[in-house]
């Protein structure tokens, strides 16, 4: 820090601070210890899960539009809820298990 004079002659402390910008790689140095491959694969898994879930929702709306009475609507809703819950549990456990496996394989032997 240094002392600077402005146009009126008043003194102020100059603060040197560099904001992290995409052109500067200094801010990325803190991520070098992070297993980026793990994060990349988990993002891929999460996006694939999201795509499947959105497709299920689109199929549900299409099927819902074909319903002719309230009983069919309730049946369609129950099927969609059960399918969604099952997919969330299955895919979530796969993502967690895969992350656990990759983390344990990345750890140095004790």
PDB file of N, CA and C in Angstrom:
ATOM      1  N   UNK A   1       0.835  -1.173   0.000  1.00  0.00           N
ATOM      2  CA  UNK A   1       0.000   0.000   0.000  1.00  0.00           C
ATOM      3  C   UNK A   1       0.878   1.234   0.000  1.00  0.00           C
ATOM      4  N   UNK A   2       0.449   2.233  -0.712  1.00  0.00           N
ATOM      5  CA  UNK A   2       1.196   3.476  -0.743  1.00  0.00           C
ATOM      6  C   UNK A   2       0.262   4.648  -0.552  1.00  0.00           C
ATOM      7  N   UNK A   3       0.821   5.828  -0.395  1.00  0.00           N
ATOM      8  CA  UNK A   3       0.043   7.046  -0.240  1.00  0.00           C
ATOM      9  C   UNK A   3       0.035   7.760  -1.584  1.00  0.00           C
ATOM     10  N   UNK A   4      -1.156   8.139  -2.042  1.00  0.00           N
ATOM     11  CA  UNK A   4      -1.287   8.865  -3.293  1.00  0.00           C
ATOM     12  C   UNK A   4      -1.980  10.191  -3.038  1.00  0.00           C
ATOM     13  N   UNK A   5      -1.713  11.182  -3.876  1.00  0.00           N
ATOM     14  CA  UNK A   5      -2.390  12.471  -3.817  1.00  0.00           C
ATOM     15  C   UNK A   5      -3.341  12.548  -5.000  1.00  0.00           C
ATOM     16  N   UNK A   6      -4.571  13.029  -4.715  1.00  0.00           N
ATOM     17  CA  UNK A   6      -5.513  13.192  -5.809  1.00  0.00           C
ATOM     18  C   UNK A   6      -5.378  14.593  -6.392  1.00  0.00           C
ATOM     19  N   UNK A   7      -6.265  14.977  -7.301  1.00  0.00           N
ATOM     20  CA  UNK A   7      -6.166  16.264  -7.991  1.00  0.00           C
ATOM     21  C   UNK A   7      -6.275  17.449  -7.033  1.00  0.00           C
ATOM     22  N   UNK A   8      -6.986  17.327  -5.917  1.00  0.00           N
ATOM     23  CA  UNK A   8      -7.153  18.409  -4.953  1.00  0.00           C
ATOM     24  C   UNK A   8      -6.001  18.473  -3.953  1.00  0.00           C
ATOM     25  N   UNK A   9      -5.067  17.591  -4.045  1.00  0.00           N
ATOM     26  CA  UNK A   9      -3.942  17.573  -3.128  1.00  0.00           C
ATOM     27  C   UNK A   9      -4.188  16.751  -1.878  1.00  0.00           C
ATOM     28  N   UNK A  10      -5.363  16.145  -1.753  1.00  0.00           N
ATOM     29  CA  UNK A  10      -5.655  15.327  -0.578  1.00  0.00           C
ATOM     30  C   UNK A  10      -4.940  13.990  -0.722  1.00  0.00           C
ATOM     31  N   UNK A  11      -4.528  13.454   0.401  1.00  0.00           N
ATOM     32  CA  UNK A  11      -3.813  12.187   0.380  1.00  0.00           C
ATOM     33  C   UNK A  11      -4.774  11.038   0.682  1.00  0.00           C
ATOM     34  N   UNK A  12      -4.535   9.926   0.060  1.00  0.00           N
ATOM     35  CA  UNK A  12      -5.324   8.722   0.330  1.00  0.00           C
ATOM     36  C   UNK A  12      -4.425   7.511   0.153  1.00  0.00           C
ATOM     37  N   UNK A  13      -4.811   6.433   0.809  1.00  0.00           N
ATOM     38  CA  UNK A  13      -4.036   5.193   0.671  1.00  0.00           C
ATOM     39  C   UNK A  13      -4.455   4.495  -0.607  1.00  0.00           C
ATOM     40  N   UNK A  14      -3.469   4.051  -1.334  1.00  0.00           N
ATOM     41  CA  UNK A  14      -3.750   3.291  -2.550  1.00  0.00           C
ATOM     42  C   UNK A  14      -3.792   1.816  -2.190  1.00  0.00           C
ATOM     43  N   UNK A  15      -4.839   1.186  -2.594  1.00  0.00           N
ATOM     44  CA  UNK A  15      -4.998  -0.244  -2.319  1.00  0.00           C
ATOM     45  C   UNK A  15      -4.794  -0.986  -3.635  1.00  0.00           C
ATOM     46  N   UNK A  16      -3.887  -1.914  -3.622  1.00  0.00           N
ATOM     47  CA  UNK A  16      -3.695  -2.721  -4.831  1.00  0.00           C
ATOM     48  C   UNK A  16      -4.420  -4.044  -4.636  1.00  0.00           C
ATOM     49  N   UNK A  17      -5.407  -4.242  -5.458  1.00  0.00           N
ATOM     50  CA  UNK A  17      -6.206  -5.464  -5.403  1.00  0.00           C
ATOM     51  C   UNK A  17      -6.508  -5.867  -6.828  1.00  0.00           C
ATOM     52  N   UNK A  18      -6.329  -7.127  -7.134  1.00  0.00           N
ATOM     53  CA  UNK A  18      -6.588  -7.613  -8.478  1.00  0.00           C
ATOM     54  C   UNK A  18      -7.796  -8.539  -8.423  1.00  0.00           C
ATOM     55  N   UNK A  19      -8.825  -8.198  -9.174  1.00  0.00           N
ATOM     56  CA  UNK A  19      -9.994  -9.042  -9.247  1.00  0.00           C
ATOM     57  C   UNK A  19      -9.686 -10.247 -10.129  1.00  0.00           C
ATOM     58  N   UNK A  20     -10.207 -11.408  -9.748  1.00  0.00           N
ATOM     59  CA  UNK A  20      -9.983 -12.574 -10.604  1.00  0.00           C
ATOM     60  C   UNK A  20     -10.803 -12.431 -11.884  1.00  0.00           C
ATOM     61  N   UNK A  21     -10.171 -12.452 -12.997  1.00  0.00           N
ATOM     62  CA  UNK A  21     -10.848 -12.350 -14.281  1.00  0.00           C
ATOM     63  C   UNK A  21     -10.482 -13.557 -15.116  1.00  0.00           C
ATOM     64  N   UNK A  22     -11.317 -13.895 -16.093  1.00  0.00           N
ATOM     65  CA  UNK A  22     -11.012 -15.075 -16.895  1.00  0.00           C
ATOM     66  C   UNK A  22      -9.642 -15.036 -17.568  1.00  0.00           C
ATOM     67  N   UNK A  23      -9.115 -13.853 -17.869  1.00  0.00           N
ATOM     68  CA  UNK A  23      -7.813 -13.760 -18.504  1.00  0.00           C
ATOM     69  C   UNK A  23      -6.669 -14.066 -17.556  1.00  0.00           C
ATOM     70  N   UNK A  24      -6.922 -13.959 -16.257  1.00  0.00           N
ATOM     71  CA  UNK A  24      -5.896 -14.219 -15.256  1.00  0.00           C
ATOM     72  C   UNK A  24      -6.085 -15.626 -14.701  1.00  0.00           C
ATOM     73  N   UNK A  25      -4.995 -16.364 -14.598  1.00  0.00           N
ATOM     74  CA  UNK A  25      -5.108 -17.736 -14.094  1.00  0.00           C
ATOM     75  C   UNK A  25      -4.720 -17.853 -12.626  1.00  0.00           C
ATOM     76  N   UNK A  26      -4.417 -16.736 -11.986  1.00  0.00           N
ATOM     77  CA  UNK A  26      -3.997 -16.786 -10.583  1.00  0.00           C
ATOM     78  C   UNK A  26      -5.075 -17.402  -9.689  1.00  0.00           C
ATOM     79  N   UNK A  27      -6.317 -17.060  -9.934  1.00  0.00           N
ATOM     80  CA  UNK A  27      -7.396 -17.553  -9.085  1.00  0.00           C
ATOM     81  C   UNK A  27      -7.609 -19.051  -9.244  1.00  0.00           C
ATOM     82  N   UNK A  28      -7.109 -19.630 -10.332  1.00  0.00           N
ATOM     83  CA  UNK A  28      -7.302 -21.059 -10.566  1.00  0.00           C
ATOM     84  C   UNK A  28      -6.297 -21.916  -9.810  1.00  0.00           C
ATOM     85  N   UNK A  29      -5.246 -21.309  -9.294  1.00  0.00           N
ATOM     86  CA  UNK A  29      -4.214 -22.100  -8.621  1.00  0.00           C
ATOM     87  C   UNK A  29      -4.768 -22.842  -7.406  1.00  0.00           C
ATOM     88  N   UNK A  30      -5.802 -22.283  -6.764  1.00  0.00           N
ATOM     89  CA  UNK A  30      -6.355 -22.950  -5.592  1.00  0.00           C
ATOM     90  C   UNK A  30      -7.080 -24.243  -5.956  1.00  0.00           C
ATOM     91  N   UNK A  31      -7.402 -24.428  -7.207  1.00  0.00           N
ATOM     92  CA  UNK A  31      -8.126 -25.621  -7.636  1.00  0.00           C
ATOM     93  C   UNK A  31      -7.214 -26.752  -8.090  1.00  0.00           C
ATOM     94  N   UNK A  32      -5.915 -26.565  -8.017  1.00  0.00           N
ATOM     95  CA  UNK A  32      -5.023 -27.597  -8.537  1.00  0.00           C
ATOM     96  C   UNK A  32      -5.061 -28.877  -7.721  1.00  0.00           C
ATOM     97  N   UNK A  33      -5.396 -28.795  -6.446  1.00  0.00           N
ATOM     98  CA  UNK A  33      -5.461 -30.000  -5.637  1.00  0.00           C
ATOM     99  C   UNK A  33      -6.817 -30.709  -5.759  1.00  0.00           C
ATOM    100  N   UNK A  34      -7.780 -30.074  -6.363  1.00  0.00           N
ATOM    101  CA  UNK A  34      -9.121 -30.651  -6.481  1.00  0.00           C
ATOM    102  C   UNK A  34      -9.141 -31.637  -7.648  1.00  0.00           C
ATOM    103  N   UNK A  35      -9.699 -32.798  -7.431  1.00  0.00           N
ATOM    104  CA  UNK A  35      -9.766 -33.770  -8.534  1.00  0.00           C
ATOM    105  C   UNK A  35     -10.790 -33.329  -9.583  1.00  0.00           C
ATOM    106  N   UNK A  36     -10.315 -32.564 -10.549  1.00  0.00           N
ATOM    107  CA  UNK A  36     -11.225 -32.001 -11.546  1.00  0.00           C
ATOM    108  C   UNK A  36     -11.906 -33.070 -12.393  1.00  0.00           C
ATOM    109  N   UNK A  37     -11.253 -34.189 -12.601  1.00  0.00           N
ATOM    110  CA  UNK A  37     -11.889 -35.273 -13.348  1.00  0.00           C
ATOM    111  C   UNK A  37     -13.145 -35.774 -12.656  1.00  0.00           C
ATOM    112  N   UNK A  38     -13.085 -35.834 -11.324  1.00  0.00           N
ATOM    113  CA  UNK A  38     -14.250 -36.266 -10.556  1.00  0.00           C
ATOM    114  C   UNK A  38     -15.403 -35.303 -10.764  1.00  0.00           C
ATOM    115  N   UNK A  39     -15.114 -34.005 -10.643  1.00  0.00           N
ATOM    116  CA  UNK A  39     -16.172 -33.017 -10.804  1.00  0.00           C
ATOM    117  C   UNK A  39     -16.738 -33.039 -12.213  1.00  0.00           C
ATOM    118  N   UNK A  40     -15.887 -33.196 -13.200  1.00  0.00           N
ATOM    119  CA  UNK A  40     -16.356 -33.230 -14.587  1.00  0.00           C
ATOM    120  C   UNK A  40     -17.281 -34.422 -14.812  1.00  0.00           C
ATOM    121  N   UNK A  41     -16.903 -35.574 -14.302  1.00  0.00           N
ATOM    122  CA  UNK A  41     -17.751 -36.754 -14.506  1.00  0.00           C
ATOM    123  C   UNK A  41     -19.052 -36.641 -13.726  1.00  0.00           C
ATOM    124  N   UNK A  42     -19.010 -36.027 -12.559  1.00  0.00           N
ATOM    125  CA  UNK A  42     -20.247 -35.875 -11.779  1.00  0.00           C
ATOM    126  C   UNK A  42     -21.190 -34.875 -12.442  1.00  0.00           C
ATOM    127  N   UNK A  43     -20.620 -33.808 -13.021  1.00  0.00           N
ATOM    128  CA  UNK A  43     -21.470 -32.865 -13.759  1.00  0.00           C
ATOM    129  C   UNK A  43     -22.106 -33.564 -14.946  1.00  0.00           C
ATOM    130  N   UNK A  44     -21.345 -34.401 -15.632  1.00  0.00           N
ATOM    131  CA  UNK A  44     -21.875 -35.141 -16.776  1.00  0.00           C
ATOM    132  C   UNK A  44     -23.010 -36.056 -16.324  1.00  0.00           C
ATOM    133  N   UNK A  45     -22.795 -36.774 -15.222  1.00  0.00           N
ATOM    134  CA  UNK A  45     -23.842 -37.651 -14.687  1.00  0.00           C
ATOM    135  C   UNK A  45     -25.087 -36.860 -14.314  1.00  0.00           C
ATOM    136  N   UNK A  46     -24.889 -35.716 -13.674  1.00  0.00           N
ATOM    137  CA  UNK A  46     -26.022 -34.896 -13.249  1.00  0.00           C
ATOM    138  C   UNK A  46     -26.795 -34.358 -14.452  1.00  0.00           C
ATOM    139  N   UNK A  47     -26.089 -33.959 -15.495  1.00  0.00           N
ATOM    140  CA  UNK A  47     -26.763 -33.461 -16.691  1.00  0.00           C
ATOM    141  C   UNK A  47     -27.505 -34.578 -17.414  1.00  0.00           C
ATOM    142  N   UNK A  48     -26.928 -35.771 -17.452  1.00  0.00           N
ATOM    143  CA  UNK A  48     -27.625 -36.907 -18.062  1.00  0.00           C
ATOM    144  C   UNK A  48     -28.894 -37.242 -17.285  1.00  0.00           C
ATOM    145  N   UNK A  49     -28.803 -37.200 -15.954  1.00  0.00           N
ATOM    146  CA  UNK A  49     -29.979 -37.449 -15.121  1.00  0.00           C
ATOM    147  C   UNK A  49     -31.049 -36.399 -15.389  1.00  0.00           C
ATOM    148  N   UNK A  50     -30.643 -35.137 -15.480  1.00  0.00           N
ATOM    149  CA  UNK A  50     -31.587 -34.053 -15.738  1.00  0.00           C
ATOM    150  C   UNK A  50     -32.263 -34.244 -17.088  1.00  0.00           C
ATOM    151  N   UNK A  51     -31.493 -34.626 -18.095  1.00  0.00           N
ATOM    152  CA  UNK A  51     -32.066 -34.849 -19.427  1.00  0.00           C
ATOM    153  C   UNK A  51     -33.108 -35.975 -19.387  1.00  0.00           C
ATOM    154  N   UNK A  52     -32.801 -37.064 -18.701  1.00  0.00           N
ATOM    155  CA  UNK A  52     -33.754 -38.176 -18.585  1.00  0.00           C
ATOM    156  C   UNK A  52     -35.008 -37.749 -17.842  1.00  0.00           C
ATOM    157  N   UNK A  53     -34.822 -36.970 -16.785  1.00  0.00           N
ATOM    158  CA  UNK A  53     -35.968 -36.535 -15.996  1.00  0.00           C
ATOM    159  C   UNK A  53     -36.852 -35.587 -16.810  1.00  0.00           C
ATOM    160  N   UNK A  54     -36.253 -34.702 -17.587  1.00  0.00           N
ATOM    161  CA  UNK A  54     -37.036 -33.802 -18.432  1.00  0.00           C
ATOM    162  C   UNK A  54     -37.787 -34.575 -19.511  1.00  0.00           C
ATOM    163  N   UNK A  55     -37.166 -35.623 -20.043  1.00  0.00           N
ATOM    164  CA  UNK A  55     -37.856 -36.459 -21.023  1.00  0.00           C
ATOM    165  C   UNK A  55     -39.050 -37.152 -20.366  1.00  0.00           C
ATOM    166  N   UNK A  56     -38.861 -37.650 -19.144  1.00  0.00           N
ATOM    167  CA  UNK A  56     -39.971 -38.280 -18.419  1.00  0.00           C
ATOM    168  C   UNK A  56     -41.111 -37.288 -18.208  1.00  0.00           C
ATOM    169  N   UNK A  57     -40.775 -36.043 -17.894  1.00  0.00           N
ATOM    170  CA  UNK A  57     -41.809 -35.030 -17.693  1.00  0.00           C
ATOM    171  C   UNK A  57     -42.559 -34.745 -18.994  1.00  0.00           C
ATOM    172  N   UNK A  58     -41.829 -34.674 -20.100  1.00  0.00           N
ATOM    173  CA  UNK A  58     -42.477 -34.439 -21.388  1.00  0.00           C
ATOM    174  C   UNK A  58     -43.401 -35.601 -21.740  1.00  0.00           C
ATOM    175  N   UNK A  59     -42.946 -36.820 -21.498  1.00  0.00           N
ATOM    176  CA  UNK A  59     -43.783 -37.996 -21.755  1.00  0.00           C
ATOM    177  C   UNK A  59     -45.028 -37.975 -20.868  1.00  0.00           C
ATOM    178  N   UNK A  60     -44.854 -37.557 -19.622  1.00  0.00           N
ATOM    179  CA  UNK A  60     -45.974 -37.478 -18.686  1.00  0.00           C
ATOM    180  C   UNK A  60     -47.029 -36.488 -19.175  1.00  0.00           C
ATOM    181  N   UNK A  61     -46.580 -35.320 -19.621  1.00  0.00           N
ATOM    182  CA  UNK A  61     -47.529 -34.303 -20.095  1.00  0.00           C
ATOM    183  C   UNK A  61     -48.256 -34.801 -21.334  1.00  0.00           C
ATOM    184  N   UNK A  62     -47.535 -35.489 -22.223  1.00  0.00           N
ATOM    185  CA  UNK A  62     -48.171 -36.051 -23.418  1.00  0.00           C
ATOM    186  C   UNK A  62     -49.226 -37.077 -23.026  1.00  0.00           C
ATOM    187  N   UNK A  63     -48.867 -37.949 -22.104  1.00  0.00           N
ATOM    188  CA  UNK A  63     -49.807 -38.978 -21.642  1.00  0.00           C
ATOM    189  C   UNK A  63     -50.991 -38.345 -20.902  1.00  0.00           C
ATOM    190  N   UNK A  64     -50.710 -37.297 -20.147  1.00  0.00           N
ATOM    191  CA  UNK A  64     -51.765 -36.605 -19.407  1.00  0.00           C
ATOM    192  C   UNK A  64     -52.765 -35.962 -20.358  1.00  0.00           C
ATOM    193  N   UNK A  65     -52.293 -35.450 -21.469  1.00  0.00           N
ATOM    194  CA  UNK A  65     -53.180 -34.820 -22.450  1.00  0.00           C
ATOM    195  C   UNK A  65     -54.128 -35.835 -23.085  1.00  0.00           C
ATOM    196  N   UNK A  66     -53.736 -37.101 -23.089  1.00  0.00           N
ATOM    197  CA  UNK A  66     -54.562 -38.143 -23.669  1.00  0.00           C
ATOM    198  C   UNK A  66     -55.616 -38.687 -22.709  1.00  0.00           C
ATOM    199  N   UNK A  67     -55.556 -38.299 -21.442  1.00  0.00           N
ATOM    200  CA  UNK A  67     -56.519 -38.795 -20.449  1.00  0.00           C
ATOM    201  C   UNK A  67     -57.900 -38.214 -20.724  1.00  0.00           C
ATOM    202  N   UNK A  68     -58.930 -39.081 -20.522  1.00  0.00           N
ATOM    203  CA  UNK A  68     -60.302 -38.656 -20.811  1.00  0.00           C
ATOM    204  C   UNK A  68     -61.160 -38.496 -19.569  1.00  0.00           C
ATOM    205  N   UNK A  69     -60.722 -39.029 -18.443  1.00  0.00           N
ATOM    206  CA  UNK A  69     -61.513 -38.879 -17.214  1.00  0.00           C
ATOM    207  C   UNK A  69     -60.579 -38.720 -16.005  1.00  0.00           C
ATOM    208  N   UNK A  70     -61.114 -38.270 -14.874  1.00  0.00           N
ATOM    209  CA  UNK A  70     -60.285 -38.033 -13.688  1.00  0.00           C
ATOM    210  C   UNK A  70     -59.548 -39.278 -13.187  1.00  0.00           C
ATOM    211  N   UNK A  71     -60.120 -40.452 -13.346  1.00  0.00           N
ATOM    212  CA  UNK A  71     -59.466 -41.683 -12.894  1.00  0.00           C
ATOM    213  C   UNK A  71     -58.171 -41.909 -13.680  1.00  0.00           C
ATOM    214  N   UNK A  72     -58.209 -41.677 -14.973  1.00  0.00           N
ATOM    215  CA  UNK A  72     -57.006 -41.829 -15.785  1.00  0.00           C
ATOM    216  C   UNK A  72     -55.941 -40.786 -15.410  1.00  0.00           C
ATOM    217  N   UNK A  73     -56.402 -39.573 -15.097  1.00  0.00           N
ATOM    218  CA  UNK A  73     -55.475 -38.518 -14.693  1.00  0.00           C
ATOM    219  C   UNK A  73     -54.764 -38.920 -13.401  1.00  0.00           C
ATOM    220  N   UNK A  74     -55.520 -39.420 -12.420  1.00  0.00           N
ATOM    221  CA  UNK A  74     -54.918 -39.850 -11.159  1.00  0.00           C
ATOM    222  C   UNK A  74     -53.959 -41.015 -11.358  1.00  0.00           C
ATOM    223  N   UNK A  75     -54.336 -41.959 -12.216  1.00  0.00           N
ATOM    224  CA  UNK A  75     -53.459 -43.097 -12.493  1.00  0.00           C
ATOM    225  C   UNK A  75     -52.167 -42.618 -13.163  1.00  0.00           C
ATOM    226  N   UNK A  76     -52.313 -41.723 -14.114  1.00  0.00           N
ATOM    227  CA  UNK A  76     -51.150 -41.179 -14.817  1.00  0.00           C
ATOM    228  C   UNK A  76     -50.233 -40.432 -13.840  1.00  0.00           C
ATOM    229  N   UNK A  77     -50.836 -39.655 -12.947  1.00  0.00           N
ATOM    230  CA  UNK A  77     -50.055 -38.912 -11.951  1.00  0.00           C
ATOM    231  C   UNK A  77     -49.324 -39.873 -11.009  1.00  0.00           C
ATOM    232  N   UNK A  78     -49.998 -40.911 -10.556  1.00  0.00           N
ATOM    233  CA  UNK A  78     -49.372 -41.872  -9.654  1.00  0.00           C
ATOM    234  C   UNK A  78     -48.212 -42.599 -10.335  1.00  0.00           C
ATOM    235  N   UNK A  79     -48.403 -42.987 -11.598  1.00  0.00           N
ATOM    236  CA  UNK A  79     -47.324 -43.653 -12.337  1.00  0.00           C
ATOM    237  C   UNK A  79     -46.112 -42.732 -12.501  1.00  0.00           C
ATOM    238  N   UNK A  80     -46.379 -41.469 -12.841  1.00  0.00           N
ATOM    239  CA  UNK A  80     -45.286 -40.520 -13.019  1.00  0.00           C
ATOM    240  C   UNK A  80     -44.552 -40.277 -11.701  1.00  0.00           C
ATOM    241  N   UNK A  81     -45.297 -40.129 -10.617  1.00  0.00           N
ATOM    242  CA  UNK A  81     -44.666 -39.901  -9.315  1.00  0.00           C
ATOM    243  C   UNK A  81     -43.794 -41.096  -8.920  1.00  0.00           C
ATOM    244  N   UNK A  82     -44.314 -42.313  -9.117  1.00  0.00           N
ATOM    245  CA  UNK A  82     -43.549 -43.501  -8.768  1.00  0.00           C
ATOM    246  C   UNK A  82     -42.306 -43.627  -9.641  1.00  0.00           C
ATOM    247  N   UNK A  83     -42.453 -43.396 -10.942  1.00  0.00           N
ATOM    248  CA  UNK A  83     -41.319 -43.486 -11.864  1.00  0.00           C
ATOM    249  C   UNK A  83     -40.266 -42.430 -11.515  1.00  0.00           C
ATOM    250  N   UNK A  84     -40.711 -41.228 -11.195  1.00  0.00           N
ATOM    251  CA  UNK A  84     -39.775 -40.150 -10.852  1.00  0.00           C
ATOM    252  C   UNK A  84     -39.022 -40.469  -9.574  1.00  0.00           C
ATOM    253  N   UNK A  85     -39.737 -40.944  -8.566  1.00  0.00           N
ATOM    254  CA  UNK A  85     -39.100 -41.269  -7.290  1.00  0.00           C
ATOM    255  C   UNK A  85     -38.073 -42.392  -7.460  1.00  0.00           C
ATOM    256  N   UNK A  86     -38.452 -43.417  -8.206  1.00  0.00           N
ATOM    257  CA  UNK A  86     -37.548 -44.537  -8.447  1.00  0.00           C
ATOM    258  C   UNK A  86     -36.299 -44.081  -9.197  1.00  0.00           C
ATOM    259  N   UNK A  87     -36.485 -43.254 -10.230  1.00  0.00           N
ATOM    260  CA  UNK A  87     -35.341 -42.759 -10.997  1.00  0.00           C
ATOM    261  C   UNK A  87     -34.427 -41.904 -10.113  1.00  0.00           C
ATOM    262  N   UNK A  88     -35.015 -41.024  -9.299  1.00  0.00           N
ATOM    263  CA  UNK A  88     -34.204 -40.179  -8.414  1.00  0.00           C
ATOM    264  C   UNK A  88     -33.374 -41.027  -7.455  1.00  0.00           C
ATOM    265  N   UNK A  89     -33.977 -42.011  -6.853  1.00  0.00           N
ATOM    266  CA  UNK A  89     -33.255 -42.869  -5.908  1.00  0.00           C
ATOM    267  C   UNK A  89     -32.172 -43.677  -6.601  1.00  0.00           C
ATOM    268  N   UNK A  90     -32.507 -44.276  -7.738  1.00  0.00           N
ATOM    269  CA  UNK A  90     -31.541 -45.106  -8.463  1.00  0.00           C
ATOM    270  C   UNK A  90     -30.365 -44.275  -8.979  1.00  0.00           C
ATOM    271  N   UNK A  91     -30.669 -43.193  -9.662  1.00  0.00           N
ATOM    272  CA  UNK A  91     -29.608 -42.368 -10.241  1.00  0.00           C
ATOM    273  C   UNK A  91     -28.791 -41.670  -9.157  1.00  0.00           C
ATOM    274  N   UNK A  92     -29.457 -41.215  -8.105  1.00  0.00           N
ATOM    275  CA  UNK A  92     -28.737 -40.574  -7.011  1.00  0.00           C
ATOM    276  C   UNK A  92     -27.761 -41.521  -6.346  1.00  0.00           C
ATOM    277  N   UNK A  93     -28.186 -42.748  -6.117  1.00  0.00           N
ATOM    278  CA  UNK A  93     -27.281 -43.716  -5.493  1.00  0.00           C
ATOM    279  C   UNK A  93     -26.136 -44.079  -6.440  1.00  0.00           C
ATOM    280  N   UNK A  94     -26.403 -44.128  -7.758  1.00  0.00           N
ATOM    281  CA  UNK A  94     -25.322 -44.400  -8.715  1.00  0.00           C
ATOM    282  C   UNK A  94     -24.294 -43.277  -8.700  1.00  0.00           C
ATOM    283  N   UNK A  95     -24.753 -42.040  -8.682  1.00  0.00           N
ATOM    284  CA  UNK A  95     -23.846 -40.892  -8.678  1.00  0.00           C
ATOM    285  C   UNK A  95     -22.999 -40.888  -7.412  1.00  0.00           C
ATOM    286  N   UNK A  96     -23.629 -41.133  -6.276  1.00  0.00           N
ATOM    287  CA  UNK A  96     -22.901 -41.141  -5.003  1.00  0.00           C
ATOM    288  C   UNK A  96     -21.905 -42.296  -4.958  1.00  0.00           C
ATOM    289  N   UNK A  97     -22.311 -43.470  -5.385  1.00  0.00           N
ATOM    290  CA  UNK A  97     -21.413 -44.629  -5.379  1.00  0.00           C
ATOM    291  C   UNK A  97     -20.230 -44.409  -6.323  1.00  0.00           C
ATOM    292  N   UNK A  98     -20.502 -43.845  -7.483  1.00  0.00           N
ATOM    293  CA  UNK A  98     -19.428 -43.561  -8.429  1.00  0.00           C
ATOM    294  C   UNK A  98     -18.448 -42.543  -7.853  1.00  0.00           C
ATOM    295  N   UNK A  99     -18.954 -41.511  -7.199  1.00  0.00           N
ATOM    296  CA  UNK A  99     -18.081 -40.504  -6.577  1.00  0.00           C
ATOM    297  C   UNK A  99     -17.249 -41.136  -5.469  1.00  0.00           C
ATOM    298  N   UNK A 100     -17.878 -41.991  -4.666  1.00  0.00           N
ATOM    299  CA  UNK A 100     -17.155 -42.652  -3.584  1.00  0.00           C
ATOM    300  C   UNK A 100     -16.041 -43.534  -4.138  1.00  0.00           C
ATOM    301  N   UNK A 101     -16.330 -44.266  -5.194  1.00  0.00           N
ATOM    302  CA  UNK A 101     -15.339 -45.135  -5.816  1.00  0.00           C
ATOM    303  C   UNK A 101     -14.176 -44.332  -6.382  1.00  0.00           C
ATOM    304  N   UNK A 102     -14.501 -43.241  -7.092  1.00  0.00           N
ATOM    305  CA  UNK A 102     -13.426 -42.425  -7.679  1.00  0.00           C
ATOM    306  C   UNK A 102     -12.592 -41.747  -6.598  1.00  0.00           C
ATOM    307  N   UNK A 103     -13.238 -41.298  -5.542  1.00  0.00           N
ATOM    308  CA  UNK A 103     -12.481 -40.658  -4.464  1.00  0.00           C
ATOM    309  C   UNK A 103     -11.578 -41.652  -3.760  1.00  0.00           C
ATOM    310  N   UNK A 104     -12.093 -42.851  -3.511  1.00  0.00           N
ATOM    311  CA  UNK A 104     -11.270 -43.835  -2.820  1.00  0.00           C
ATOM    312  C   UNK A 104     -10.106 -44.308  -3.688  1.00  0.00           C
ATOM    313  N   UNK A 105     -10.298 -44.347  -5.002  1.00  0.00           N
ATOM    314  CA  UNK A 105      -9.206 -44.743  -5.884  1.00  0.00           C
ATOM    315  C   UNK A 105      -8.184 -43.612  -6.047  1.00  0.00           C
ATOM    316  N   UNK A 106      -8.611 -42.377  -5.820  1.00  0.00           N
ATOM    317  CA  UNK A 106      -7.703 -41.230  -5.937  1.00  0.00           C
ATOM    318  C   UNK A 106      -6.874 -41.015  -4.663  1.00  0.00           C
ATOM    319  N   UNK A 107      -7.299 -41.595  -3.572  1.00  0.00           N
ATOM    320  CA  UNK A 107      -6.593 -41.431  -2.302  1.00  0.00           C
ATOM    321  C   UNK A 107      -5.309 -42.249  -2.326  1.00  0.00           C
ATOM    322  N   UNK A 108      -4.241 -41.689  -1.816  1.00  0.00           N
ATOM    323  CA  UNK A 108      -2.990 -42.473  -1.754  1.00  0.00           C
ATOM    324  C   UNK A 108      -3.123 -43.598  -0.738  1.00  0.00           C
ATOM    325  N   UNK A 109      -2.475 -44.713  -0.983  1.00  0.00           N
ATOM    326  CA  UNK A 109      -2.573 -45.858  -0.051  1.00  0.00           C
ATOM    327  C   UNK A 109      -1.975 -45.476   1.314  1.00  0.00           C
ATOM    328  N   UNK A 110      -2.586 -45.996   2.353  1.00  0.00           N
ATOM    329  CA  UNK A 110      -2.128 -45.684   3.702  1.00  0.00           C
ATOM    330  C   UNK A 110      -1.002 -46.575   4.149  1.00  0.00           C
TER     331      UNK A 110
END
